[in-house]
């Protein structure tokens, strides 16, 4: 029985060494096997790129106007929100925090599926942004955002109420 285990280990090691040898890069190549296995460093500081050097990339070819759409939802954290869309702006209210005022900002939206929209807005002064996927058919919202104060949001939850807009 031990001879069988040892033979299996030898066979596995032989196969692995054959794989490594078959996939090794010759010395003339610019990359070695070791370099391919190293992970790059994680960025820990924002690169110093002056504002306006890289232009915005905004494709409006599939833009959607969500005028009159109202959506109420709750993230997995328990925080509840309401969005009310107009033709050129969206009002954003945190329902469970009476001390936070309703914020209204310009938005962009794209239809990305049946009753599904990608919505994006910038926080004034470009100090943050919000990206949402509204899946109205399945009553689900997903969000990715950098909020003022450097708060990161990467969450989702059920849409609990929908008032359909003119886009329908």
C-alpha atoms as a PDB file:
ATOM      1  CA  UNK A   1       0.000   0.000   0.000  1.00  0.00           C
ATOM      2  CA  UNK A   2       2.827   2.453   0.878  1.00  0.00           C
ATOM      3  CA  UNK A   3       4.565   1.585  -2.398  1.00  0.00           C
ATOM      4  CA  UNK A   4       1.363   2.576  -4.247  1.00  0.00           C
ATOM      5  CA  UNK A   5       1.211   5.957  -2.414  1.00  0.00           C
ATOM      6  CA  UNK A   6       4.871   6.672  -3.131  1.00  0.00           C
ATOM      7  CA  UNK A   7       4.397   5.717  -6.798  1.00  0.00           C
ATOM      8  CA  UNK A   8       1.438   8.091  -7.076  1.00  0.00           C
ATOM      9  CA  UNK A   9       3.462  10.936  -5.543  1.00  0.00           C
ATOM     10  CA  UNK A  10       6.408  10.229  -7.903  1.00  0.00           C
ATOM     11  CA  UNK A  11       4.029  10.144 -10.880  1.00  0.00           C
ATOM     12  CA  UNK A  12       2.438  13.457  -9.837  1.00  0.00           C
ATOM     13  CA  UNK A  13       5.838  15.119  -9.352  1.00  0.00           C
ATOM     14  CA  UNK A  14       7.061  13.781 -12.688  1.00  0.00           C
ATOM     15  CA  UNK A  15       3.960  15.136 -14.425  1.00  0.00           C
ATOM     16  CA  UNK A  16       4.375  18.534 -12.729  1.00  0.00           C
ATOM     17  CA  UNK A  17       8.035  18.781 -13.685  1.00  0.00           C
ATOM     18  CA  UNK A  18       7.124  17.879 -17.259  1.00  0.00           C
ATOM     19  CA  UNK A  19       4.457  20.621 -17.247  1.00  0.00           C
ATOM     20  CA  UNK A  20       6.905  23.194 -15.903  1.00  0.00           C
ATOM     21  CA  UNK A  21       9.557  22.173 -18.420  1.00  0.00           C
ATOM     22  CA  UNK A  22       7.052  22.290 -21.274  1.00  0.00           C
ATOM     23  CA  UNK A  23       5.853  25.757 -20.243  1.00  0.00           C
ATOM     24  CA  UNK A  24       9.186  27.292 -19.280  1.00  0.00           C
ATOM     25  CA  UNK A  25      10.414  30.301 -21.208  1.00  0.00           C
ATOM     26  CA  UNK A  26      13.860  30.144 -22.751  1.00  0.00           C
ATOM     27  CA  UNK A  27      16.585  32.533 -21.617  1.00  0.00           C
ATOM     28  CA  UNK A  28      16.263  34.641 -24.759  1.00  0.00           C
ATOM     29  CA  UNK A  29      12.706  35.535 -23.793  1.00  0.00           C
ATOM     30  CA  UNK A  30      12.022  38.673 -21.762  1.00  0.00           C
ATOM     31  CA  UNK A  31       9.874  36.807 -19.212  1.00  0.00           C
ATOM     32  CA  UNK A  32      10.723  33.880 -16.997  1.00  0.00           C
ATOM     33  CA  UNK A  33       8.418  31.432 -15.259  1.00  0.00           C
ATOM     34  CA  UNK A  34       9.112  33.224 -11.947  1.00  0.00           C
ATOM     35  CA  UNK A  35       8.092  36.625 -13.356  1.00  0.00           C
ATOM     36  CA  UNK A  36       4.794  35.267 -14.631  1.00  0.00           C
ATOM     37  CA  UNK A  37       3.884  34.090 -11.133  1.00  0.00           C
ATOM     38  CA  UNK A  38       4.599  37.364  -9.299  1.00  0.00           C
ATOM     39  CA  UNK A  39       1.640  39.588  -8.477  1.00  0.00           C
ATOM     40  CA  UNK A  40       1.952  43.295  -9.179  1.00  0.00           C
ATOM     41  CA  UNK A  41       2.015  45.695  -6.249  1.00  0.00           C
ATOM     42  CA  UNK A  42      -1.274  47.160  -5.094  1.00  0.00           C
ATOM     43  CA  UNK A  43      -1.601  50.903  -5.646  1.00  0.00           C
ATOM     44  CA  UNK A  44      -1.539  52.648  -2.253  1.00  0.00           C
ATOM     45  CA  UNK A  45      -1.548  56.289  -3.371  1.00  0.00           C
ATOM     46  CA  UNK A  46      -3.466  57.992  -6.142  1.00  0.00           C
ATOM     47  CA  UNK A  47      -1.322  58.748  -9.179  1.00  0.00           C
ATOM     48  CA  UNK A  48      -0.556  62.431  -9.644  1.00  0.00           C
ATOM     49  CA  UNK A  49      -2.577  63.169 -12.782  1.00  0.00           C
ATOM     50  CA  UNK A  50      -3.673  66.816 -13.052  1.00  0.00           C
ATOM     51  CA  UNK A  51      -7.373  67.430 -13.677  1.00  0.00           C
ATOM     52  CA  UNK A  52      -8.276  67.622 -17.345  1.00  0.00           C
ATOM     53  CA  UNK A  53      -5.161  65.832 -18.641  1.00  0.00           C
ATOM     54  CA  UNK A  54      -7.210  62.723 -19.381  1.00  0.00           C
ATOM     55  CA  UNK A  55     -10.542  63.691 -20.950  1.00  0.00           C
ATOM     56  CA  UNK A  56     -13.830  62.178 -19.783  1.00  0.00           C
ATOM     57  CA  UNK A  57     -15.033  59.213 -21.824  1.00  0.00           C
ATOM     58  CA  UNK A  58     -18.811  59.413 -21.986  1.00  0.00           C
ATOM     59  CA  UNK A  59     -20.801  57.463 -24.568  1.00  0.00           C
ATOM     60  CA  UNK A  60     -24.366  58.737 -24.805  1.00  0.00           C
ATOM     61  CA  UNK A  61     -25.396  56.537 -27.733  1.00  0.00           C
ATOM     62  CA  UNK A  62     -27.695  54.406 -25.578  1.00  0.00           C
ATOM     63  CA  UNK A  63     -28.739  57.072 -23.086  1.00  0.00           C
ATOM     64  CA  UNK A  64     -32.012  56.643 -21.208  1.00  0.00           C
ATOM     65  CA  UNK A  65     -34.232  59.313 -19.719  1.00  0.00           C
ATOM     66  CA  UNK A  66     -35.716  57.941 -16.484  1.00  0.00           C
ATOM     67  CA  UNK A  67     -38.094  60.853 -15.946  1.00  0.00           C
ATOM     68  CA  UNK A  68     -40.800  60.131 -13.337  1.00  0.00           C
ATOM     69  CA  UNK A  69     -39.208  56.853 -12.206  1.00  0.00           C
ATOM     70  CA  UNK A  70     -39.206  56.516  -8.412  1.00  0.00           C
ATOM     71  CA  UNK A  71     -37.382  53.666  -6.694  1.00  0.00           C
ATOM     72  CA  UNK A  72     -37.265  52.817  -3.000  1.00  0.00           C
ATOM     73  CA  UNK A  73     -34.700  50.228  -1.860  1.00  0.00           C
ATOM     74  CA  UNK A  74     -32.759  48.871   1.104  1.00  0.00           C
ATOM     75  CA  UNK A  75     -29.105  47.851   1.094  1.00  0.00           C
ATOM     76  CA  UNK A  76     -27.915  44.733   2.940  1.00  0.00           C
ATOM     77  CA  UNK A  77     -26.633  47.103   5.658  1.00  0.00           C
ATOM     78  CA  UNK A  78     -30.250  48.037   6.363  1.00  0.00           C
ATOM     79  CA  UNK A  79     -30.031  51.622   5.085  1.00  0.00           C
ATOM     80  CA  UNK A  80     -33.077  52.616   3.058  1.00  0.00           C
ATOM     81  CA  UNK A  81     -33.124  55.119   0.178  1.00  0.00           C
ATOM     82  CA  UNK A  82     -35.462  56.659  -2.364  1.00  0.00           C
ATOM     83  CA  UNK A  83     -34.491  57.888  -5.817  1.00  0.00           C
ATOM     84  CA  UNK A  84     -36.746  60.205  -7.802  1.00  0.00           C
ATOM     85  CA  UNK A  85     -35.705  60.828 -11.401  1.00  0.00           C
ATOM     86  CA  UNK A  86     -36.436  63.897 -13.494  1.00  0.00           C
ATOM     87  CA  UNK A  87     -35.453  64.436 -17.118  1.00  0.00           C
ATOM     88  CA  UNK A  88     -32.004  65.821 -16.206  1.00  0.00           C
ATOM     89  CA  UNK A  89     -31.492  65.160 -12.469  1.00  0.00           C
ATOM     90  CA  UNK A  90     -32.121  62.667  -9.685  1.00  0.00           C
ATOM     91  CA  UNK A  91     -33.063  63.340  -6.059  1.00  0.00           C
ATOM     92  CA  UNK A  92     -31.510  60.971  -3.538  1.00  0.00           C
ATOM     93  CA  UNK A  93     -33.019  60.628  -0.042  1.00  0.00           C
ATOM     94  CA  UNK A  94     -31.831  58.419   2.823  1.00  0.00           C
ATOM     95  CA  UNK A  95     -35.143  57.399   4.401  1.00  0.00           C
ATOM     96  CA  UNK A  96     -33.808  56.197   7.740  1.00  0.00           C
ATOM     97  CA  UNK A  97     -31.723  59.313   8.522  1.00  0.00           C
ATOM     98  CA  UNK A  98     -33.896  62.388   9.014  1.00  0.00           C
ATOM     99  CA  UNK A  99     -30.865  64.627   9.562  1.00  0.00           C
ATOM    100  CA  UNK A 100     -29.468  64.082   6.049  1.00  0.00           C
ATOM    101  CA  UNK A 101     -31.057  66.373   3.436  1.00  0.00           C
ATOM    102  CA  UNK A 102     -32.274  65.199   0.041  1.00  0.00           C
ATOM    103  CA  UNK A 103     -29.511  65.669  -2.508  1.00  0.00           C
ATOM    104  CA  UNK A 104     -30.219  66.441  -6.160  1.00  0.00           C
ATOM    105  CA  UNK A 105     -27.582  65.931  -8.849  1.00  0.00           C
ATOM    106  CA  UNK A 106     -27.403  65.506 -12.659  1.00  0.00           C
ATOM    107  CA  UNK A 107     -27.289  61.858 -13.758  1.00  0.00           C
ATOM    108  CA  UNK A 108     -26.571  59.688 -16.776  1.00  0.00           C
ATOM    109  CA  UNK A 109     -28.409  56.451 -17.513  1.00  0.00           C
ATOM    110  CA  UNK A 110     -28.108  53.671 -20.088  1.00  0.00           C
ATOM    111  CA  UNK A 111     -30.473  50.842 -20.804  1.00  0.00           C
ATOM    112  CA  UNK A 112     -28.409  47.648 -20.466  1.00  0.00           C
ATOM    113  CA  UNK A 113     -31.182  45.039 -20.538  1.00  0.00           C
ATOM    114  CA  UNK A 114     -34.923  44.523 -20.309  1.00  0.00           C
ATOM    115  CA  UNK A 115     -36.022  46.872 -17.501  1.00  0.00           C
ATOM    116  CA  UNK A 116     -32.353  47.189 -16.475  1.00  0.00           C
ATOM    117  CA  UNK A 117     -30.401  50.444 -16.321  1.00  0.00           C
ATOM    118  CA  UNK A 118     -26.889  51.570 -15.477  1.00  0.00           C
ATOM    119  CA  UNK A 119     -27.152  54.907 -13.666  1.00  0.00           C
ATOM    120  CA  UNK A 120     -24.215  57.155 -12.788  1.00  0.00           C
ATOM    121  CA  UNK A 121     -23.680  60.536 -11.195  1.00  0.00           C
ATOM    122  CA  UNK A 122     -20.764  62.545  -9.897  1.00  0.00           C
ATOM    123  CA  UNK A 123     -20.731  64.113  -6.465  1.00  0.00           C
ATOM    124  CA  UNK A 124     -20.355  67.912  -6.907  1.00  0.00           C
ATOM    125  CA  UNK A 125     -16.688  68.891  -7.158  1.00  0.00           C
ATOM    126  CA  UNK A 126     -15.889  65.394  -8.450  1.00  0.00           C
ATOM    127  CA  UNK A 127     -15.058  64.239  -4.918  1.00  0.00           C
ATOM    128  CA  UNK A 128     -16.972  61.017  -5.424  1.00  0.00           C
ATOM    129  CA  UNK A 129     -19.332  59.165  -7.716  1.00  0.00           C
ATOM    130  CA  UNK A 130     -22.200  56.673  -7.652  1.00  0.00           C
ATOM    131  CA  UNK A 131     -22.884  53.858 -10.133  1.00  0.00           C
ATOM    132  CA  UNK A 132     -26.077  51.833  -9.818  1.00  0.00           C
ATOM    133  CA  UNK A 133     -27.549  48.918 -11.695  1.00  0.00           C
ATOM    134  CA  UNK A 134     -31.322  49.112 -11.425  1.00  0.00           C
ATOM    135  CA  UNK A 135     -32.914  45.784 -12.298  1.00  0.00           C
ATOM    136  CA  UNK A 136     -36.592  46.715 -12.253  1.00  0.00           C
ATOM    137  CA  UNK A 137     -37.828  43.360 -13.549  1.00  0.00           C
ATOM    138  CA  UNK A 138     -36.178  41.438 -10.699  1.00  0.00           C
ATOM    139  CA  UNK A 139     -36.575  44.324  -8.220  1.00  0.00           C
ATOM    140  CA  UNK A 140     -32.882  44.473  -7.346  1.00  0.00           C
ATOM    141  CA  UNK A 141     -30.317  47.270  -7.060  1.00  0.00           C
ATOM    142  CA  UNK A 142     -26.511  47.016  -7.016  1.00  0.00           C
ATOM    143  CA  UNK A 143     -24.250  49.938  -6.201  1.00  0.00           C
ATOM    144  CA  UNK A 144     -20.620  50.905  -6.371  1.00  0.00           C
ATOM    145  CA  UNK A 145     -19.665  54.338  -5.078  1.00  0.00           C
ATOM    146  CA  UNK A 146     -17.065  56.564  -3.527  1.00  0.00           C
ATOM    147  CA  UNK A 147     -18.942  58.951  -1.285  1.00  0.00           C
ATOM    148  CA  UNK A 148     -17.819  62.222   0.307  1.00  0.00           C
ATOM    149  CA  UNK A 149     -15.539  61.532   3.244  1.00  0.00           C
ATOM    150  CA  UNK A 150     -13.949  58.682   1.231  1.00  0.00           C
ATOM    151  CA  UNK A 151     -16.703  56.219   2.243  1.00  0.00           C
ATOM    152  CA  UNK A 152     -16.703  53.225  -0.110  1.00  0.00           C
ATOM    153  CA  UNK A 153     -20.022  51.622  -1.015  1.00  0.00           C
ATOM    154  CA  UNK A 154     -20.177  48.238  -2.740  1.00  0.00           C
ATOM    155  CA  UNK A 155     -23.569  46.781  -1.879  1.00  0.00           C
ATOM    156  CA  UNK A 156     -26.946  45.776  -3.153  1.00  0.00           C
ATOM    157  CA  UNK A 157     -30.410  44.895  -2.041  1.00  0.00           C
ATOM    158  CA  UNK A 158     -34.059  44.577  -2.929  1.00  0.00           C
ATOM    159  CA  UNK A 159     -36.103  47.310  -4.556  1.00  0.00           C
ATOM    160  CA  UNK A 160     -39.158  47.508  -2.297  1.00  0.00           C
ATOM    161  CA  UNK A 161     -41.230  49.970  -4.310  1.00  0.00           C
ATOM    162  CA  UNK A 162     -41.212  51.197  -7.929  1.00  0.00           C
ATOM    163  CA  UNK A 163     -43.224  53.936  -9.614  1.00  0.00           C
ATOM    164  CA  UNK A 164     -42.668  53.505 -13.341  1.00  0.00           C
ATOM    165  CA  UNK A 165     -41.533  56.490 -15.338  1.00  0.00           C
ATOM    166  CA  UNK A 166     -42.155  57.763 -18.866  1.00  0.00           C
ATOM    167  CA  UNK A 167     -39.473  55.477 -20.319  1.00  0.00           C
ATOM    168  CA  UNK A 168     -41.868  52.496 -20.167  1.00  0.00           C
END
